[in-house]
Amino acid sequence: MKSEKSLIVFLDKKIRRIWHNDEWYFSVVDIVHVLTDSPNPRNYWKVLKHRENQLVTICNPLKLEAPDGKLRETDCANTESMFRIIPLS
């Protein structure tokens, strides 16, 4: 599959993703937003990362389109890593 960026929708919420190293990587902040319905998912993720230091090692900073249209580095994880994050959130 060629390198692509795209959105998927889950429970009417957008989840950013990117094709990287022959697999999909998903925005961790977007997944946290869907799972927790937090009013501030970015802050929720920040607190979770500080509490569980190993999370930093399973995420990759990849450039995804931000709401303002610019590409910004965002913590992303593949499906396997995401399943390691979910029980902690």
PDB file of N, CA and C in Angstrom:
ATOM      1  N   MET A   1       0.846  -1.185   0.000  1.00  0.00           N
ATOM      2  CA  MET A   1       0.000   0.000   0.000  1.00  0.00           C
ATOM      3  C   MET A   1       0.882   1.235   0.000  1.00  0.00           C
ATOM      4  N   LYS A   2       0.518   2.184  -0.807  1.00  0.00           N
ATOM      5  CA  LYS A   2       1.296   3.419  -0.835  1.00  0.00           C
ATOM      6  C   LYS A   2       1.040   4.238   0.425  1.00  0.00           C
ATOM      7  N   SER A   3       1.946   5.154   0.704  1.00  0.00           N
ATOM      8  CA  SER A   3       1.820   5.995   1.896  1.00  0.00           C
ATOM      9  C   SER A   3       0.573   6.864   1.778  1.00  0.00           C
ATOM     10  N   GLU A   4      -0.301   6.779   2.770  1.00  0.00           N
ATOM     11  CA  GLU A   4      -1.541   7.551   2.747  1.00  0.00           C
ATOM     12  C   GLU A   4      -1.840   8.129   4.118  1.00  0.00           C
ATOM     13  N   LYS A   5      -2.610   9.186   4.114  1.00  0.00           N
ATOM     14  CA  LYS A   5      -3.169   9.754   5.334  1.00  0.00           C
ATOM     15  C   LYS A   5      -4.677   9.737   5.137  1.00  0.00           C
ATOM     16  N   SER A   6      -5.395   9.373   6.149  1.00  0.00           N
ATOM     17  CA  SER A   6      -6.845   9.391   6.012  1.00  0.00           C
ATOM     18  C   SER A   6      -7.503   9.414   7.372  1.00  0.00           C
ATOM     19  N   LEU A   7      -8.786   9.666   7.353  1.00  0.00           N
ATOM     20  CA  LEU A   7      -9.583   9.682   8.576  1.00  0.00           C
ATOM     21  C   LEU A   7     -10.480   8.461   8.581  1.00  0.00           C
ATOM     22  N   ILE A   8     -10.740   7.961   9.769  1.00  0.00           N
ATOM     23  CA  ILE A   8     -11.794   6.985   9.945  1.00  0.00           C
ATOM     24  C   ILE A   8     -12.746   7.570  10.977  1.00  0.00           C
ATOM     25  N   VAL A   9     -13.963   7.122  10.965  1.00  0.00           N
ATOM     26  CA  VAL A   9     -14.950   7.651  11.897  1.00  0.00           C
ATOM     27  C   VAL A   9     -15.408   6.512  12.795  1.00  0.00           C
ATOM     28  N   PHE A  10     -15.399   6.786  14.095  1.00  0.00           N
ATOM     29  CA  PHE A  10     -15.844   5.808  15.077  1.00  0.00           C
ATOM     30  C   PHE A  10     -16.719   6.545  16.080  1.00  0.00           C
ATOM     31  N   LEU A  11     -17.933   6.086  16.256  1.00  0.00           N
ATOM     32  CA  LEU A  11     -18.892   6.750  17.150  1.00  0.00           C
ATOM     33  C   LEU A  11     -19.004   8.246  16.836  1.00  0.00           C
ATOM     34  N   ASP A  12     -19.067   8.556  15.558  1.00  0.00           N
ATOM     35  CA  ASP A  12     -19.205   9.938  15.069  1.00  0.00           C
ATOM     36  C   ASP A  12     -18.024  10.834  15.421  1.00  0.00           C
ATOM     37  N   LYS A  13     -16.893  10.243  15.763  1.00  0.00           N
ATOM     38  CA  LYS A  13     -15.683  11.028  16.055  1.00  0.00           C
ATOM     39  C   LYS A  13     -14.606  10.631  15.059  1.00  0.00           C
ATOM     40  N   LYS A  14     -13.839  11.611  14.626  1.00  0.00           N
ATOM     41  CA  LYS A  14     -12.794  11.372  13.635  1.00  0.00           C
ATOM     42  C   LYS A  14     -11.513  10.884  14.305  1.00  0.00           C
ATOM     43  N   ILE A  15     -10.900   9.887  13.693  1.00  0.00           N
ATOM     44  CA  ILE A  15      -9.615   9.367  14.156  1.00  0.00           C
ATOM     45  C   ILE A  15      -8.638   9.489  12.995  1.00  0.00           C
ATOM     46  N   ARG A  16      -7.593  10.266  13.218  1.00  0.00           N
ATOM     47  CA  ARG A  16      -6.577  10.439  12.183  1.00  0.00           C
ATOM     48  C   ARG A  16      -5.681   9.209  12.146  1.00  0.00           C
ATOM     49  N   ARG A  17      -5.223   8.861  10.955  1.00  0.00           N
ATOM     50  CA  ARG A  17      -4.313   7.728  10.805  1.00  0.00           C
ATOM     51  C   ARG A  17      -3.387   7.977   9.622  1.00  0.00           C
ATOM     52  N   ILE A  18      -2.289   7.235   9.622  1.00  0.00           N
ATOM     53  CA  ILE A  18      -1.301   7.366   8.555  1.00  0.00           C
ATOM     54  C   ILE A  18      -0.691   5.993   8.301  1.00  0.00           C
ATOM     55  N   TRP A  19      -0.416   5.708   7.037  1.00  0.00           N
ATOM     56  CA  TRP A  19       0.241   4.474   6.642  1.00  0.00           C
ATOM     57  C   TRP A  19       1.741   4.690   6.811  1.00  0.00           C
ATOM     58  N   HIS A  20       2.371   3.905   7.696  1.00  0.00           N
ATOM     59  CA  HIS A  20       3.785   4.093   8.029  1.00  0.00           C
ATOM     60  C   HIS A  20       4.398   2.725   8.291  1.00  0.00           C
ATOM     61  N   ASN A  21       5.547   2.437   7.686  1.00  0.00           N
ATOM     62  CA  ASN A  21       6.233   1.150   7.857  1.00  0.00           C
ATOM     63  C   ASN A  21       5.307  -0.033   7.582  1.00  0.00           C
ATOM     64  N   ASP A  22       4.545   0.073   6.517  1.00  0.00           N
ATOM     65  CA  ASP A  22       3.653  -1.008   6.066  1.00  0.00           C
ATOM     66  C   ASP A  22       2.537  -1.362   7.037  1.00  0.00           C
ATOM     67  N   GLU A  23       2.085  -0.398   7.840  1.00  0.00           N
ATOM     68  CA  GLU A  23       0.930  -0.626   8.704  1.00  0.00           C
ATOM     69  C   GLU A  23       0.314   0.715   9.086  1.00  0.00           C
ATOM     70  N   TRP A  24      -0.923   0.662   9.548  1.00  0.00           N
ATOM     71  CA  TRP A  24      -1.616   1.865   9.966  1.00  0.00           C
ATOM     72  C   TRP A  24      -1.173   2.268  11.358  1.00  0.00           C
ATOM     73  N   TYR A  25      -0.961   3.574  11.526  1.00  0.00           N
ATOM     74  CA  TYR A  25      -0.691   4.183  12.831  1.00  0.00           C
ATOM     75  C   TYR A  25      -1.814   5.179  13.087  1.00  0.00           C
ATOM     76  N   PHE A  26      -2.340   5.163  14.304  1.00  0.00           N
ATOM     77  CA  PHE A  26      -3.486   5.974  14.673  1.00  0.00           C
ATOM     78  C   PHE A  26      -3.078   7.035  15.681  1.00  0.00           C
ATOM     79  N   SER A  27      -3.725   8.175  15.621  1.00  0.00           N
ATOM     80  CA  SER A  27      -3.486   9.248  16.586  1.00  0.00           C
ATOM     81  C   SER A  27      -3.955   8.793  17.967  1.00  0.00           C
ATOM     82  N   VAL A  28      -3.051   8.777  18.926  1.00  0.00           N
ATOM     83  CA  VAL A  28      -3.388   8.342  20.276  1.00  0.00           C
ATOM     84  C   VAL A  28      -4.391   9.308  20.907  1.00  0.00           C
ATOM     85  N   VAL A  29      -4.221  10.591  20.692  1.00  0.00           N
ATOM     86  CA  VAL A  29      -5.142  11.581  21.257  1.00  0.00           C
ATOM     87  C   VAL A  29      -6.558  11.354  20.732  1.00  0.00           C
ATOM     88  N   ASP A  30      -6.687  11.034  19.468  1.00  0.00           N
ATOM     89  CA  ASP A  30      -8.011  10.789  18.893  1.00  0.00           C
ATOM     90  C   ASP A  30      -8.651   9.542  19.502  1.00  0.00           C
ATOM     91  N   ILE A  31      -7.869   8.493  19.701  1.00  0.00           N
ATOM     92  CA  ILE A  31      -8.378   7.262  20.316  1.00  0.00           C
ATOM     93  C   ILE A  31      -8.783   7.533  21.764  1.00  0.00           C
ATOM     94  N   VAL A  32      -7.950   8.275  22.487  1.00  0.00           N
ATOM     95  CA  VAL A  32      -8.273   8.625  23.876  1.00  0.00           C
ATOM     96  C   VAL A  32      -9.588   9.401  23.923  1.00  0.00           C
ATOM     97  N   HIS A  33      -9.774  10.305  22.981  1.00  0.00           N
ATOM     98  CA  HIS A  33     -11.015  11.090  22.936  1.00  0.00           C
ATOM     99  C   HIS A  33     -12.236  10.187  22.755  1.00  0.00           C
ATOM    100  N   VAL A  34     -12.127   9.208  21.863  1.00  0.00           N
ATOM    101  CA  VAL A  34     -13.240   8.288  21.617  1.00  0.00           C
ATOM    102  C   VAL A  34     -13.524   7.431  22.846  1.00  0.00           C
ATOM    103  N   LEU A  35     -12.468   6.924  23.477  1.00  0.00           N
ATOM    104  CA  LEU A  35     -12.660   5.983  24.583  1.00  0.00           C
ATOM    105  C   LEU A  35     -13.056   6.637  25.901  1.00  0.00           C
ATOM    106  N   THR A  36     -12.587   7.845  26.128  1.00  0.00           N
ATOM    107  CA  THR A  36     -12.837   8.480  27.429  1.00  0.00           C
ATOM    108  C   THR A  36     -13.891   9.570  27.367  1.00  0.00           C
ATOM    109  N   ASP A  37     -14.147  10.093  26.185  1.00  0.00           N
ATOM    110  CA  ASP A  37     -15.052  11.229  26.019  1.00  0.00           C
ATOM    111  C   ASP A  37     -14.611  12.411  26.875  1.00  0.00           C
ATOM    112  N   SER A  38     -13.301  12.500  27.075  1.00  0.00           N
ATOM    113  CA  SER A  38     -12.728  13.588  27.865  1.00  0.00           C
ATOM    114  C   SER A  38     -12.914  14.920  27.132  1.00  0.00           C
ATOM    115  N   PRO A  39     -13.212  15.997  27.856  1.00  0.00           N
ATOM    116  CA  PRO A  39     -13.313  17.306  27.210  1.00  0.00           C
ATOM    117  C   PRO A  39     -11.948  17.825  26.741  1.00  0.00           C
ATOM    118  N   ASN A  40     -10.866  17.274  27.298  1.00  0.00           N
ATOM    119  CA  ASN A  40      -9.516  17.672  26.904  1.00  0.00           C
ATOM    120  C   ASN A  40      -8.653  16.422  26.726  1.00  0.00           C
ATOM    121  N   PRO A  41      -8.822  15.698  25.597  1.00  0.00           N
ATOM    122  CA  PRO A  41      -8.088  14.443  25.404  1.00  0.00           C
ATOM    123  C   PRO A  41      -6.572  14.625  25.333  1.00  0.00           C
ATOM    124  N   ARG A  42      -6.122  15.777  24.860  1.00  0.00           N
ATOM    125  CA  ARG A  42      -4.677  16.018  24.790  1.00  0.00           C
ATOM    126  C   ARG A  42      -4.067  16.055  26.199  1.00  0.00           C
ATOM    127  N   ASN A  43      -4.739  16.725  27.121  1.00  0.00           N
ATOM    128  CA  ASN A  43      -4.271  16.784  28.498  1.00  0.00           C
ATOM    129  C   ASN A  43      -4.371  15.403  29.160  1.00  0.00           C
ATOM    130  N   TYR A  44      -5.445  14.690  28.899  1.00  0.00           N
ATOM    131  CA  TYR A  44      -5.639  13.336  29.428  1.00  0.00           C
ATOM    132  C   TYR A  44      -4.459  12.448  29.021  1.00  0.00           C
ATOM    133  N   TRP A  45      -4.090  12.505  27.736  1.00  0.00           N
ATOM    134  CA  TRP A  45      -2.967  11.713  27.221  1.00  0.00           C
ATOM    135  C   TRP A  45      -1.658  12.152  27.870  1.00  0.00           C
ATOM    136  N   LYS A  46      -1.464  13.438  28.043  1.00  0.00           N
ATOM    137  CA  LYS A  46      -0.250  13.965  28.665  1.00  0.00           C
ATOM    138  C   LYS A  46      -0.099  13.421  30.090  1.00  0.00           C
ATOM    139  N   VAL A  47      -1.162  13.449  30.870  1.00  0.00           N
ATOM    140  CA  VAL A  47      -1.123  12.935  32.244  1.00  0.00           C
ATOM    141  C   VAL A  47      -0.863  11.435  32.242  1.00  0.00           C
ATOM    142  N   LEU A  48      -1.518  10.721  31.336  1.00  0.00           N
ATOM    143  CA  LEU A  48      -1.336   9.273  31.248  1.00  0.00           C
ATOM    144  C   LEU A  48       0.104   8.919  30.890  1.00  0.00           C
ATOM    145  N   LYS A  49       0.712   9.655  29.972  1.00  0.00           N
ATOM    146  CA  LYS A  49       2.117   9.404  29.592  1.00  0.00           C
ATOM    147  C   LYS A  49       3.063   9.618  30.765  1.00  0.00           C
ATOM    148  N   HIS A  50       2.793  10.634  31.562  1.00  0.00           N
ATOM    149  CA  HIS A  50       3.670  10.903  32.706  1.00  0.00           C
ATOM    150  C   HIS A  50       3.498   9.852  33.796  1.00  0.00           C
ATOM    151  N   ARG A  51       2.291   9.335  33.917  1.00  0.00           N
ATOM    152  CA  ARG A  51       2.025   8.314  34.922  1.00  0.00           C
ATOM    153  C   ARG A  51       2.593   6.947  34.515  1.00  0.00           C
ATOM    154  N   GLU A  52       2.528   6.630  33.217  1.00  0.00           N
ATOM    155  CA  GLU A  52       2.988   5.346  32.681  1.00  0.00           C
ATOM    156  C   GLU A  52       4.099   5.617  31.658  1.00  0.00           C
ATOM    157  N   ASN A  53       5.329   5.716  32.124  1.00  0.00           N
ATOM    158  CA  ASN A  53       6.454   6.118  31.273  1.00  0.00           C
ATOM    159  C   ASN A  53       6.694   5.218  30.073  1.00  0.00           C
ATOM    160  N   GLN A  54       6.357   3.923  30.168  1.00  0.00           N
ATOM    161  CA  GLN A  54       6.632   3.012  29.063  1.00  0.00           C
ATOM    162  C   GLN A  54       5.801   3.347  27.822  1.00  0.00           C
ATOM    163  N   LEU A  55       4.747   4.133  27.986  1.00  0.00           N
ATOM    164  CA  LEU A  55       3.921   4.497  26.837  1.00  0.00           C
ATOM    165  C   LEU A  55       4.694   5.294  25.804  1.00  0.00           C
ATOM    166  N   VAL A  56       5.638   6.073  26.247  1.00  0.00           N
ATOM    167  CA  VAL A  56       6.431   6.890  25.324  1.00  0.00           C
ATOM    168  C   VAL A  56       7.212   6.004  24.356  1.00  0.00           C
ATOM    169  N   THR A  57       7.644   4.838  24.814  1.00  0.00           N
ATOM    170  CA  THR A  57       8.463   3.961  23.968  1.00  0.00           C
ATOM    171  C   THR A  57       7.657   3.226  22.909  1.00  0.00           C
ATOM    172  N   ILE A  58       6.341   3.130  23.067  1.00  0.00           N
ATOM    173  CA  ILE A  58       5.549   2.401  22.071  1.00  0.00           C
ATOM    174  C   ILE A  58       4.827   3.334  21.103  1.00  0.00           C
ATOM    175  N   CYS A  59       5.053   4.623  21.228  1.00  0.00           N
ATOM    176  CA  CYS A  59       4.443   5.606  20.327  1.00  0.00           C
ATOM    177  C   CYS A  59       5.502   6.209  19.418  1.00  0.00           C
ATOM    178  N   ASN A  60       5.064   6.605  18.241  1.00  0.00           N
ATOM    179  CA  ASN A  60       5.941   7.283  17.296  1.00  0.00           C
ATOM    180  C   ASN A  60       5.374   8.661  16.999  1.00  0.00           C
ATOM    181  N   PRO A  61       6.206   9.691  17.043  1.00  0.00           N
ATOM    182  CA  PRO A  61       5.724  11.013  16.653  1.00  0.00           C
ATOM    183  C   PRO A  61       5.675  11.111  15.125  1.00  0.00           C
ATOM    184  N   LEU A  62       4.485  11.170  14.582  1.00  0.00           N
ATOM    185  CA  LEU A  62       4.303  11.259  13.133  1.00  0.00           C
ATOM    186  C   LEU A  62       3.506  12.515  12.811  1.00  0.00           C
ATOM    187  N   LYS A  63       3.731  13.058  11.630  1.00  0.00           N
ATOM    188  CA  LYS A  63       3.039  14.290  11.249  1.00  0.00           C
ATOM    189  C   LYS A  63       1.662  13.972  10.690  1.00  0.00           C
ATOM    190  N   LEU A  64       0.657  14.507  11.378  1.00  0.00           N
ATOM    191  CA  LEU A  64      -0.728  14.389  10.946  1.00  0.00           C
ATOM    192  C   LEU A  64      -1.314  15.786  10.814  1.00  0.00           C
ATOM    193  N   GLU A  65      -2.361  15.885  10.025  1.00  0.00           N
ATOM    194  CA  GLU A  65      -3.001  17.185   9.835  1.00  0.00           C
ATOM    195  C   GLU A  65      -3.757  17.585  11.092  1.00  0.00           C
ATOM    196  N   ALA A  66      -3.472  18.769  11.586  1.00  0.00           N
ATOM    197  CA  ALA A  66      -4.134  19.324  12.769  1.00  0.00           C
ATOM    198  C   ALA A  66      -5.414  20.038  12.326  1.00  0.00           C
ATOM    199  N   PRO A  67      -6.276  20.390  13.267  1.00  0.00           N
ATOM    200  CA  PRO A  67      -7.518  21.100  12.906  1.00  0.00           C
ATOM    201  C   PRO A  67      -7.288  22.381  12.106  1.00  0.00           C
ATOM    202  N   ASP A  68      -6.120  23.016  12.289  1.00  0.00           N
ATOM    203  CA  ASP A  68      -5.827  24.247  11.540  1.00  0.00           C
ATOM    204  C   ASP A  68      -5.283  23.968  10.140  1.00  0.00           C
ATOM    205  N   GLY A  69      -5.195  22.680   9.762  1.00  0.00           N
ATOM    206  CA  GLY A  69      -4.739  22.311   8.430  1.00  0.00           C
ATOM    207  C   GLY A  69      -3.247  22.105   8.300  1.00  0.00           C
ATOM    208  N   LYS A  70      -2.490  22.432   9.327  1.00  0.00           N
ATOM    209  CA  LYS A  70      -1.041  22.269   9.293  1.00  0.00           C
ATOM    210  C   LYS A  70      -0.665  20.863   9.754  1.00  0.00           C
ATOM    211  N   LEU A  71       0.488  20.396   9.264  1.00  0.00           N
ATOM    212  CA  LEU A  71       0.999  19.103   9.715  1.00  0.00           C
ATOM    213  C   LEU A  71       1.754  19.298  11.017  1.00  0.00           C
ATOM    214  N   ARG A  72       1.379  18.532  12.016  1.00  0.00           N
ATOM    215  CA  ARG A  72       2.025  18.621  13.330  1.00  0.00           C
ATOM    216  C   ARG A  72       2.356  17.226  13.819  1.00  0.00           C
ATOM    217  N   GLU A  73       3.501  17.125  14.534  1.00  0.00           N
ATOM    218  CA  GLU A  73       3.871  15.842  15.114  1.00  0.00           C
ATOM    219  C   GLU A  73       2.845  15.447  16.167  1.00  0.00           C
ATOM    220  N   THR A  74       2.379  14.231  16.060  1.00  0.00           N
ATOM    221  CA  THR A  74       1.349  13.703  16.946  1.00  0.00           C
ATOM    222  C   THR A  74       1.771  12.310  17.383  1.00  0.00           C
ATOM    223  N   ASP A  75       1.574  11.980  18.651  1.00  0.00           N
ATOM    224  CA  ASP A  75       1.862  10.623  19.111  1.00  0.00           C
ATOM    225  C   ASP A  75       0.927   9.662  18.395  1.00  0.00           C
ATOM    226  N   CYS A  76       1.526   8.659  17.759  1.00  0.00           N
ATOM    227  CA  CYS A  76       0.754   7.669  17.023  1.00  0.00           C
ATOM    228  C   CYS A  76       1.204   6.273  17.446  1.00  0.00           C
ATOM    229  N   ALA A  77       0.297   5.328  17.316  1.00  0.00           N
ATOM    230  CA  ALA A  77       0.609   3.944  17.660  1.00  0.00           C
ATOM    231  C   ALA A  77      -0.073   3.027  16.653  1.00  0.00           C
ATOM    232  N   ASN A  78       0.583   1.879  16.412  1.00  0.00           N
ATOM    233  CA  ASN A  78      -0.033   0.890  15.540  1.00  0.00           C
ATOM    234  C   ASN A  78      -1.092   0.126  16.335  1.00  0.00           C
ATOM    235  N   THR A  79      -1.757  -0.795  15.706  1.00  0.00           N
ATOM    236  CA  THR A  79      -2.852  -1.511  16.368  1.00  0.00           C
ATOM    237  C   THR A  79      -2.375  -2.259  17.601  1.00  0.00           C
ATOM    238  N   GLU A  80      -1.264  -2.963  17.498  1.00  0.00           N
ATOM    239  CA  GLU A  80      -0.744  -3.724  18.641  1.00  0.00           C
ATOM    240  C   GLU A  80      -0.433  -2.805  19.828  1.00  0.00           C
ATOM    241  N   SER A  81       0.240  -1.711  19.561  1.00  0.00           N
ATOM    242  CA  SER A  81       0.580  -0.771  20.634  1.00  0.00           C
ATOM    243  C   SER A  81      -0.671  -0.124  21.215  1.00  0.00           C
ATOM    244  N   MET A  82      -1.645   0.137  20.368  1.00  0.00           N
ATOM    245  CA  MET A  82      -2.873   0.765  20.849  1.00  0.00           C
ATOM    246  C   MET A  82      -3.576  -0.146  21.871  1.00  0.00           C
ATOM    247  N   PHE A  83      -3.533  -1.453  21.644  1.00  0.00           N
ATOM    248  CA  PHE A  83      -4.149  -2.377  22.593  1.00  0.00           C
ATOM    249  C   PHE A  83      -3.396  -2.410  23.922  1.00  0.00           C
ATOM    250  N   ARG A  84      -2.149  -2.000  23.933  1.00  0.00           N
ATOM    251  CA  ARG A  84      -1.407  -1.873  25.189  1.00  0.00           C
ATOM    252  C   ARG A  84      -1.768  -0.586  25.923  1.00  0.00           C
ATOM    253  N   ILE A  85      -2.152   0.434  25.173  1.00  0.00           N
ATOM    254  CA  ILE A  85      -2.522   1.726  25.748  1.00  0.00           C
ATOM    255  C   ILE A  85      -3.946   1.696  26.308  1.00  0.00           C
ATOM    256  N   ILE A  86      -4.853   1.062  25.619  1.00  0.00           N
ATOM    257  CA  ILE A  86      -6.270   1.100  25.965  1.00  0.00           C
ATOM    258  C   ILE A  86      -6.551   0.694  27.415  1.00  0.00           C
ATOM    259  N   PRO A  87      -5.980  -0.404  27.962  1.00  0.00           N
ATOM    260  CA  PRO A  87      -6.303  -0.761  29.343  1.00  0.00           C
ATOM    261  C   PRO A  87      -5.876   0.300  30.359  1.00  0.00           C
ATOM    262  N   LEU A  88      -4.910   1.130  30.003  1.00  0.00           N
ATOM    263  CA  LEU A  88      -4.422   2.153  30.925  1.00  0.00           C
ATOM    264  C   LEU A  88      -5.292   3.397  30.928  1.00  0.00           C
ATOM    265  N   SER A  89      -6.047   3.596  29.861  1.00  0.00           N
ATOM    266  CA  SER A  89      -6.817   4.842  29.756  1.00  0.00           C
ATOM    267  C   SER A  89      -8.125   4.798  30.454  1.00  0.00           C
TER     268      SER A  89
END
